[in-house]
Amino acid sequence: MKNFIYLATFFCLSSFMSAQIFELEKKPNWTKYKSIIKSKPYQNGNGWKYIYDLNDGTIDKLKTYYGTELRAEYELTFDKNQNLERLNNISNLENQFVEYNLKYNDLGLKIEDKETKYFYDNANRLTKSFSKEFEESKGKKGWSEKYFYNDLGDLIRLEKTTFIKDKSQVDIENYIYDDCKNTIQINRSSMPERVYPIVIIGGELKNEVDFYEYEYNEDCIWTKKYKQIDGVKKLIWERELVEL
């Protein structure tokens, strides 16, 4: 029973975490660094901490801690476009893994994985994605997303439609960036209108408008991330960057 619970937890976490912590912002100077230590300072060392080992600017291994206790250790495999291909949990002898079964077009762009299909414009920018459930139900179940960009190629708008019990929920996010291409403001709207803030299990509250600030090193990589909470600027993440 213990092994079954652990295995189920691993697959649930890996599905959630692949979108949350297995990504780095696109920066050419990641190749200068061998590791990153990311933590929530307000938890006084008792919360989650992530230690990334990098190989040529890409995440190679990840250790997750809760306080001082090692909870999991992963090996990651990415394709040339930084899409996660394989997630291998090496925390125990059972060596569980998730294979994402990626498919590509002639340009090497990801067009399909286990659960999702992806579509691009002539500039190779992702413009649409949807779940296979959405496709199979002809738009009556699952979810779909549309992506919009400015002239600089920055994602400025995301429209997500989710179908629950045959009823659609549309959530829209508009993004504003600083000079280092990190999000400093998110404006949200929805149809039908939601009540904000939205509580995300294991994540941040989503307010109708969220504001962020950063402290950077010389490579325009953030070392501290702040969020305005109840009108007060609060430090929510810290990163220690270890050079080669």
C-alpha atoms as a PDB file:
ATOM      1  CA  MET A   1       0.000   0.000   0.000  1.00  0.00           C
ATOM      2  CA  LYS A   2       2.842   2.401   0.855  1.00  0.00           C
ATOM      3  CA  ASN A   3       4.463   1.863  -2.549  1.00  0.00           C
ATOM      4  CA  PHE A   4       1.126   2.435  -4.316  1.00  0.00           C
ATOM      5  CA  ILE A   5       0.574   5.719  -2.461  1.00  0.00           C
ATOM      6  CA  TYR A   6       4.118   6.839  -3.253  1.00  0.00           C
ATOM      7  CA  LEU A   7       3.735   5.975  -6.936  1.00  0.00           C
ATOM      8  CA  ALA A   8       0.384   7.764  -7.234  1.00  0.00           C
ATOM      9  CA  THR A   9       1.830  10.788  -5.458  1.00  0.00           C
ATOM     10  CA  PHE A  10       4.824  10.815  -7.798  1.00  0.00           C
ATOM     11  CA  PHE A  11       2.715  10.906 -10.949  1.00  0.00           C
ATOM     12  CA  CYS A  12       0.372  13.557  -9.538  1.00  0.00           C
ATOM     13  CA  LEU A  13       3.290  15.708  -8.439  1.00  0.00           C
ATOM     14  CA  SER A  14       5.211  15.244 -11.671  1.00  0.00           C
ATOM     15  CA  SER A  15       2.192  16.357 -13.688  1.00  0.00           C
ATOM     16  CA  PHE A  16       1.826  19.483 -11.554  1.00  0.00           C
ATOM     17  CA  MET A  17       5.524  20.204 -11.138  1.00  0.00           C
ATOM     18  CA  SER A  18       6.408  19.900 -14.823  1.00  0.00           C
ATOM     19  CA  ALA A  19       4.650  23.210 -15.382  1.00  0.00           C
ATOM     20  CA  GLN A  20       5.677  24.799 -12.112  1.00  0.00           C
ATOM     21  CA  ILE A  21       9.284  24.095 -11.247  1.00  0.00           C
ATOM     22  CA  PHE A  22      10.896  22.296 -14.191  1.00  0.00           C
ATOM     23  CA  GLU A  23      11.310  25.480 -16.209  1.00  0.00           C
ATOM     24  CA  LEU A  24      13.842  28.317 -16.300  1.00  0.00           C
ATOM     25  CA  GLU A  25      13.270  31.631 -18.018  1.00  0.00           C
ATOM     26  CA  LYS A  26      15.073  31.812 -21.358  1.00  0.00           C
ATOM     27  CA  LYS A  27      18.489  33.385 -20.751  1.00  0.00           C
ATOM     28  CA  PRO A  28      21.644  32.687 -22.796  1.00  0.00           C
ATOM     29  CA  ASN A  29      23.873  33.120 -19.740  1.00  0.00           C
ATOM     30  CA  TRP A  30      22.499  30.109 -17.869  1.00  0.00           C
ATOM     31  CA  THR A  31      25.538  28.322 -19.328  1.00  0.00           C
ATOM     32  CA  LYS A  32      27.709  30.245 -16.821  1.00  0.00           C
ATOM     33  CA  TYR A  33      26.073  28.510 -13.858  1.00  0.00           C
ATOM     34  CA  LYS A  34      26.307  25.013 -12.426  1.00  0.00           C
ATOM     35  CA  SER A  35      23.495  25.150  -9.878  1.00  0.00           C
ATOM     36  CA  ILE A  36      20.563  27.162  -8.518  1.00  0.00           C
ATOM     37  CA  ILE A  37      19.124  27.067  -5.008  1.00  0.00           C
ATOM     38  CA  LYS A  38      15.548  28.376  -4.916  1.00  0.00           C
ATOM     39  CA  SER A  39      13.609  28.850  -1.684  1.00  0.00           C
ATOM     40  CA  LYS A  40      10.774  30.761  -0.015  1.00  0.00           C
ATOM     41  CA  PRO A  41      12.438  33.027   2.580  1.00  0.00           C
ATOM     42  CA  TYR A  42       9.304  33.714   4.612  1.00  0.00           C
ATOM     43  CA  GLN A  43       9.053  30.041   5.587  1.00  0.00           C
ATOM     44  CA  ASN A  44      12.167  30.349   7.804  1.00  0.00           C
ATOM     45  CA  GLY A  45      13.787  27.273   6.298  1.00  0.00           C
ATOM     46  CA  ASN A  46      10.771  25.061   7.025  1.00  0.00           C
ATOM     47  CA  GLY A  47       9.164  25.130   3.586  1.00  0.00           C
ATOM     48  CA  TRP A  48      10.003  23.882   0.107  1.00  0.00           C
ATOM     49  CA  LYS A  49      13.459  24.330  -1.358  1.00  0.00           C
ATOM     50  CA  TYR A  50      14.632  23.320  -4.837  1.00  0.00           C
ATOM     51  CA  ILE A  51      18.234  22.650  -5.849  1.00  0.00           C
ATOM     52  CA  TYR A  52      18.866  22.539  -9.595  1.00  0.00           C
ATOM     53  CA  ASP A  53      21.998  21.091 -11.205  1.00  0.00           C
ATOM     54  CA  LEU A  54      22.599  22.563 -14.646  1.00  0.00           C
ATOM     55  CA  ASN A  55      24.358  21.104 -17.673  1.00  0.00           C
ATOM     56  CA  ASP A  56      25.153  23.604 -20.428  1.00  0.00           C
ATOM     57  CA  GLY A  57      22.381  25.900 -19.223  1.00  0.00           C
ATOM     58  CA  THR A  58      19.710  23.188 -18.963  1.00  0.00           C
ATOM     59  CA  ILE A  59      18.311  21.536 -15.840  1.00  0.00           C
ATOM     60  CA  ASP A  60      19.991  18.150 -15.448  1.00  0.00           C
ATOM     61  CA  LYS A  61      18.912  17.166 -11.929  1.00  0.00           C
ATOM     62  CA  LEU A  62      16.529  18.536  -9.334  1.00  0.00           C
ATOM     63  CA  LYS A  63      16.363  17.850  -5.613  1.00  0.00           C
ATOM     64  CA  THR A  64      13.291  18.928  -3.653  1.00  0.00           C
ATOM     65  CA  TYR A  65      13.460  19.491   0.097  1.00  0.00           C
ATOM     66  CA  TYR A  66      10.875  20.260   2.713  1.00  0.00           C
ATOM     67  CA  GLY A  67      12.844  21.929   5.480  1.00  0.00           C
ATOM     68  CA  THR A  68      16.033  19.872   5.676  1.00  0.00           C
ATOM     69  CA  GLU A  69      14.399  16.632   4.539  1.00  0.00           C
ATOM     70  CA  LEU A  70      15.100  15.445   0.992  1.00  0.00           C
ATOM     71  CA  ARG A  71      11.697  14.591  -0.496  1.00  0.00           C
ATOM     72  CA  ALA A  72      12.597  13.679  -4.070  1.00  0.00           C
ATOM     73  CA  GLU A  73      15.412  13.686  -6.601  1.00  0.00           C
ATOM     74  CA  TYR A  74      14.833  13.799 -10.348  1.00  0.00           C
ATOM     75  CA  GLU A  75      16.854  13.430 -13.530  1.00  0.00           C
ATOM     76  CA  LEU A  76      15.462  15.439 -16.444  1.00  0.00           C
ATOM     77  CA  THR A  77      15.845  15.081 -20.188  1.00  0.00           C
ATOM     78  CA  PHE A  78      14.960  17.978 -22.521  1.00  0.00           C
ATOM     79  CA  ASP A  79      14.873  18.283 -26.303  1.00  0.00           C
ATOM     80  CA  LYS A  80      16.774  20.988 -28.185  1.00  0.00           C
ATOM     81  CA  ASN A  81      13.881  23.420 -27.717  1.00  0.00           C
ATOM     82  CA  GLN A  82      13.827  22.913 -23.925  1.00  0.00           C
ATOM     83  CA  ASN A  83      10.706  20.744 -23.918  1.00  0.00           C
ATOM     84  CA  LEU A  84      10.704  18.202 -21.102  1.00  0.00           C
ATOM     85  CA  GLU A  85      10.931  14.736 -22.678  1.00  0.00           C
ATOM     86  CA  ARG A  86      11.503  12.492 -19.665  1.00  0.00           C
ATOM     87  CA  LEU A  87      11.247  12.873 -15.887  1.00  0.00           C
ATOM     88  CA  ASN A  88      12.998  10.173 -13.881  1.00  0.00           C
ATOM     89  CA  ASN A  89      12.533   9.916 -10.107  1.00  0.00           C
ATOM     90  CA  ILE A  90      15.793   8.493  -8.746  1.00  0.00           C
ATOM     91  CA  SER A  91      14.837   8.909  -5.080  1.00  0.00           C
ATOM     92  CA  ASN A  92      14.540   5.178  -4.526  1.00  0.00           C
ATOM     93  CA  LEU A  93      15.433   1.852  -6.107  1.00  0.00           C
ATOM     94  CA  GLU A  94      12.137   1.610  -8.000  1.00  0.00           C
ATOM     95  CA  ASN A  95      13.304   4.404 -10.315  1.00  0.00           C
ATOM     96  CA  GLN A  96       9.874   5.628 -11.495  1.00  0.00           C
ATOM     97  CA  PHE A  97       9.728   7.813 -14.589  1.00  0.00           C
ATOM     98  CA  VAL A  98       7.334   9.756 -16.807  1.00  0.00           C
ATOM     99  CA  GLU A  99       7.806   9.642 -20.577  1.00  0.00           C
ATOM    100  CA  TYR A 100       6.095  12.545 -22.378  1.00  0.00           C
ATOM    101  CA  ASN A 101       6.012  10.888 -25.832  1.00  0.00           C
ATOM    102  CA  LEU A 102       6.706  14.083 -27.749  1.00  0.00           C
ATOM    103  CA  LYS A 103       6.042  14.389 -31.476  1.00  0.00           C
ATOM    104  CA  TYR A 104       7.571  17.071 -33.716  1.00  0.00           C
ATOM    105  CA  ASN A 105       6.936  18.760 -37.038  1.00  0.00           C
ATOM    106  CA  ASP A 106       9.535  19.155 -39.804  1.00  0.00           C
ATOM    107  CA  LEU A 107      10.928  22.255 -38.060  1.00  0.00           C
ATOM    108  CA  GLY A 108      11.553  20.379 -34.843  1.00  0.00           C
ATOM    109  CA  LEU A 109       8.712  22.072 -32.969  1.00  0.00           C
ATOM    110  CA  LYS A 110       6.712  20.056 -30.457  1.00  0.00           C
ATOM    111  CA  ILE A 111       3.246  19.392 -31.861  1.00  0.00           C
ATOM    112  CA  GLU A 112       1.987  16.665 -29.524  1.00  0.00           C
ATOM    113  CA  ASP A 113       2.637  15.019 -26.174  1.00  0.00           C
ATOM    114  CA  LYS A 114       0.707  12.471 -24.107  1.00  0.00           C
ATOM    115  CA  GLU A 115      -2.207  14.807 -23.413  1.00  0.00           C
ATOM    116  CA  THR A 116      -1.908  17.927 -25.603  1.00  0.00           C
ATOM    117  CA  LYS A 117      -1.596  19.157 -29.198  1.00  0.00           C
ATOM    118  CA  TYR A 118       0.265  22.370 -30.145  1.00  0.00           C
ATOM    119  CA  PHE A 119       0.037  24.814 -33.081  1.00  0.00           C
ATOM    120  CA  TYR A 120       2.360  27.603 -34.301  1.00  0.00           C
ATOM    121  CA  ASP A 121       2.388  30.672 -36.549  1.00  0.00           C
ATOM    122  CA  ASN A 122       4.841  31.456 -39.361  1.00  0.00           C
ATOM    123  CA  ALA A 123       7.272  32.894 -36.801  1.00  0.00           C
ATOM    124  CA  ASN A 124       7.283  29.543 -34.945  1.00  0.00           C
ATOM    125  CA  ARG A 125       5.424  31.057 -31.990  1.00  0.00           C
ATOM    126  CA  LEU A 126       2.950  28.892 -30.116  1.00  0.00           C
ATOM    127  CA  THR A 127      -0.534  30.221 -30.928  1.00  0.00           C
ATOM    128  CA  LYS A 128      -2.875  27.473 -29.768  1.00  0.00           C
ATOM    129  CA  SER A 129      -2.924  24.292 -27.726  1.00  0.00           C
ATOM    130  CA  PHE A 130      -5.685  22.012 -26.564  1.00  0.00           C
ATOM    131  CA  SER A 131      -6.164  18.760 -24.703  1.00  0.00           C
ATOM    132  CA  LYS A 132      -6.874  15.605 -26.643  1.00  0.00           C
ATOM    133  CA  GLU A 133     -10.088  15.342 -24.672  1.00  0.00           C
ATOM    134  CA  PHE A 134     -11.112  18.719 -26.166  1.00  0.00           C
ATOM    135  CA  GLU A 135     -10.424  17.415 -29.667  1.00  0.00           C
ATOM    136  CA  GLU A 136     -12.170  14.094 -29.133  1.00  0.00           C
ATOM    137  CA  SER A 137     -15.288  15.737 -27.654  1.00  0.00           C
ATOM    138  CA  LYS A 138     -15.367  18.362 -30.451  1.00  0.00           C
ATOM    139  CA  GLY A 139     -14.909  21.228 -28.031  1.00  0.00           C
ATOM    140  CA  LYS A 140     -17.279  20.127 -25.301  1.00  0.00           C
ATOM    141  CA  LYS A 141     -14.810  18.776 -22.704  1.00  0.00           C
ATOM    142  CA  GLY A 142     -11.220  19.349 -21.652  1.00  0.00           C
ATOM    143  CA  TRP A 143      -9.479  22.677 -22.280  1.00  0.00           C
ATOM    144  CA  SER A 144      -7.979  24.902 -24.969  1.00  0.00           C
ATOM    145  CA  GLU A 145      -5.571  27.865 -24.908  1.00  0.00           C
ATOM    146  CA  LYS A 146      -4.796  30.726 -27.301  1.00  0.00           C
ATOM    147  CA  TYR A 147      -1.630  32.839 -27.162  1.00  0.00           C
ATOM    148  CA  PHE A 148      -1.077  36.403 -28.396  1.00  0.00           C
ATOM    149  CA  TYR A 149       2.202  38.299 -28.860  1.00  0.00           C
ATOM    150  CA  ASN A 150       3.508  41.832 -29.328  1.00  0.00           C
ATOM    151  CA  ASP A 151       5.873  42.912 -32.098  1.00  0.00           C
ATOM    152  CA  LEU A 152       8.868  41.904 -29.958  1.00  0.00           C
ATOM    153  CA  GLY A 153       7.601  38.336 -29.674  1.00  0.00           C
ATOM    154  CA  ASP A 154       6.593  38.636 -26.017  1.00  0.00           C
ATOM    155  CA  LEU A 155       3.521  36.738 -24.881  1.00  0.00           C
ATOM    156  CA  ILE A 156       1.065  39.468 -23.872  1.00  0.00           C
ATOM    157  CA  ARG A 157      -2.233  37.602 -23.622  1.00  0.00           C
ATOM    158  CA  LEU A 158      -3.364  34.086 -22.739  1.00  0.00           C
ATOM    159  CA  GLU A 159      -6.954  32.926 -23.184  1.00  0.00           C
ATOM    160  CA  LYS A 160      -7.856  29.596 -21.625  1.00  0.00           C
ATOM    161  CA  THR A 161     -11.203  27.882 -22.002  1.00  0.00           C
ATOM    162  CA  THR A 162     -12.042  25.032 -19.638  1.00  0.00           C
ATOM    163  CA  PHE A 163     -15.093  22.823 -19.877  1.00  0.00           C
ATOM    164  CA  ILE A 164     -16.644  21.543 -16.659  1.00  0.00           C
ATOM    165  CA  LYS A 165     -19.918  19.603 -16.779  1.00  0.00           C
ATOM    166  CA  ASP A 166     -20.494  20.844 -20.349  1.00  0.00           C
ATOM    167  CA  LYS A 167     -20.189  24.489 -19.266  1.00  0.00           C
ATOM    168  CA  SER A 168     -17.331  26.670 -20.469  1.00  0.00           C
ATOM    169  CA  GLN A 169     -15.171  28.931 -18.317  1.00  0.00           C
ATOM    170  CA  VAL A 170     -12.957  31.466 -20.095  1.00  0.00           C
ATOM    171  CA  ASP A 171     -10.004  32.924 -18.184  1.00  0.00           C
ATOM    172  CA  ILE A 172      -7.861  35.682 -19.693  1.00  0.00           C
ATOM    173  CA  GLU A 173      -4.464  36.922 -18.518  1.00  0.00           C
ATOM    174  CA  ASN A 174      -2.665  39.975 -19.941  1.00  0.00           C
ATOM    175  CA  TYR A 175       1.044  40.403 -19.194  1.00  0.00           C
ATOM    176  CA  ILE A 176       3.382  43.389 -18.798  1.00  0.00           C
ATOM    177  CA  TYR A 177       7.168  42.872 -18.652  1.00  0.00           C
ATOM    178  CA  ASP A 178      10.243  44.688 -17.413  1.00  0.00           C
ATOM    179  CA  ASP A 179      13.456  45.188 -19.409  1.00  0.00           C
ATOM    180  CA  CYS A 180      14.713  41.723 -18.384  1.00  0.00           C
ATOM    181  CA  LYS A 181      11.562  40.084 -19.832  1.00  0.00           C
ATOM    182  CA  ASN A 182      10.084  39.050 -16.504  1.00  0.00           C
ATOM    183  CA  THR A 183       6.410  39.590 -15.715  1.00  0.00           C
ATOM    184  CA  ILE A 184       5.759  42.642 -13.544  1.00  0.00           C
ATOM    185  CA  GLN A 185       1.972  42.807 -13.924  1.00  0.00           C
ATOM    186  CA  ILE A 186      -0.813  40.326 -14.678  1.00  0.00           C
ATOM    187  CA  ASN A 187      -4.347  41.565 -15.384  1.00  0.00           C
ATOM    188  CA  ARG A 188      -7.084  38.932 -15.226  1.00  0.00           C
ATOM    189  CA  SER A 189     -10.671  38.701 -16.407  1.00  0.00           C
ATOM    190  CA  SER A 190     -13.091  35.828 -16.862  1.00  0.00           C
ATOM    191  CA  MET A 191     -16.406  34.788 -18.395  1.00  0.00           C
ATOM    192  CA  PRO A 192     -18.529  33.955 -16.448  1.00  0.00           C
ATOM    193  CA  GLU A 193     -16.972  36.401 -14.027  1.00  0.00           C
ATOM    194  CA  ARG A 194     -14.999  34.763 -11.223  1.00  0.00           C
ATOM    195  CA  VAL A 195     -14.655  35.917  -7.654  1.00  0.00           C
ATOM    196  CA  TYR A 196     -11.044  36.930  -6.960  1.00  0.00           C
ATOM    197  CA  PRO A 197      -8.665  35.963  -5.503  1.00  0.00           C
ATOM    198  CA  ILE A 198      -8.587  32.435  -6.901  1.00  0.00           C
ATOM    199  CA  VAL A 199      -6.965  29.901  -4.586  1.00  0.00           C
ATOM    200  CA  ILE A 200      -4.461  27.569  -6.288  1.00  0.00           C
ATOM    201  CA  ILE A 201      -3.494  24.471  -4.311  1.00  0.00           C
ATOM    202  CA  GLY A 202       0.283  24.503  -3.928  1.00  0.00           C
ATOM    203  CA  GLY A 203       0.589  27.856  -5.697  1.00  0.00           C
ATOM    204  CA  GLU A 204       0.051  31.590  -5.350  1.00  0.00           C
ATOM    205  CA  LEU A 205      -3.295  33.285  -4.988  1.00  0.00           C
ATOM    206  CA  LYS A 206      -4.451  34.700  -8.308  1.00  0.00           C
ATOM    207  CA  ASN A 207      -5.773  38.232  -7.887  1.00  0.00           C
ATOM    208  CA  GLU A 208      -7.586  40.257 -10.517  1.00  0.00           C
ATOM    209  CA  VAL A 209      -4.352  42.271 -10.815  1.00  0.00           C
ATOM    210  CA  ASP A 210      -0.979  41.038  -9.548  1.00  0.00           C
ATOM    211  CA  PHE A 211       2.233  43.100  -9.386  1.00  0.00           C
ATOM    212  CA  TYR A 212       5.809  41.753  -9.197  1.00  0.00           C
ATOM    213  CA  GLU A 213       9.297  43.196  -8.755  1.00  0.00           C
ATOM    214  CA  TYR A 214      12.755  41.639  -9.014  1.00  0.00           C
ATOM    215  CA  GLU A 215      16.362  42.055  -8.014  1.00  0.00           C
ATOM    216  CA  TYR A 216      18.859  41.003 -10.701  1.00  0.00           C
ATOM    217  CA  ASN A 217      22.473  40.046 -11.142  1.00  0.00           C
ATOM    218  CA  GLU A 218      24.647  41.306 -13.995  1.00  0.00           C
ATOM    219  CA  ASP A 219      23.159  38.704 -16.391  1.00  0.00           C
ATOM    220  CA  CYS A 220      19.595  40.000 -15.946  1.00  0.00           C
ATOM    221  CA  ILE A 221      18.722  36.833 -14.011  1.00  0.00           C
ATOM    222  CA  TRP A 222      16.610  37.457 -10.931  1.00  0.00           C
ATOM    223  CA  THR A 223      17.895  36.572  -7.485  1.00  0.00           C
ATOM    224  CA  LYS A 224      14.890  37.884  -5.532  1.00  0.00           C
ATOM    225  CA  LYS A 225      11.241  37.993  -6.548  1.00  0.00           C
ATOM    226  CA  TYR A 226       8.664  40.200  -4.819  1.00  0.00           C
ATOM    227  CA  LYS A 227       4.882  40.303  -4.994  1.00  0.00           C
ATOM    228  CA  GLN A 228       2.545  43.035  -3.847  1.00  0.00           C
ATOM    229  CA  ILE A 229       0.297  41.432  -1.230  1.00  0.00           C
ATOM    230  CA  ASP A 230      -2.415  43.522   0.421  1.00  0.00           C
ATOM    231  CA  GLY A 231      -0.646  46.636  -0.844  1.00  0.00           C
ATOM    232  CA  VAL A 232       2.702  45.617   0.672  1.00  0.00           C
ATOM    233  CA  LYS A 233       5.781  44.495  -1.300  1.00  0.00           C
ATOM    234  CA  LYS A 234       6.781  41.052   0.011  1.00  0.00           C
ATOM    235  CA  LEU A 235       9.697  38.796  -0.883  1.00  0.00           C
ATOM    236  CA  ILE A 236       8.254  35.487  -2.149  1.00  0.00           C
ATOM    237  CA  TRP A 237      11.289  33.729  -3.711  1.00  0.00           C
ATOM    238  CA  GLU A 238      15.058  33.846  -3.407  1.00  0.00           C
ATOM    239  CA  ARG A 239      17.615  32.215  -5.725  1.00  0.00           C
ATOM    240  CA  GLU A 240      21.285  31.593  -5.076  1.00  0.00           C
ATOM    241  CA  LEU A 241      23.168  31.197  -8.368  1.00  0.00           C
ATOM    242  CA  VAL A 242      26.398  29.194  -8.266  1.00  0.00           C
ATOM    243  CA  GLU A 243      28.806  29.828 -11.149  1.00  0.00           C
ATOM    244  CA  LEU A 244      31.026  27.229 -12.808  1.00  0.00           C
END
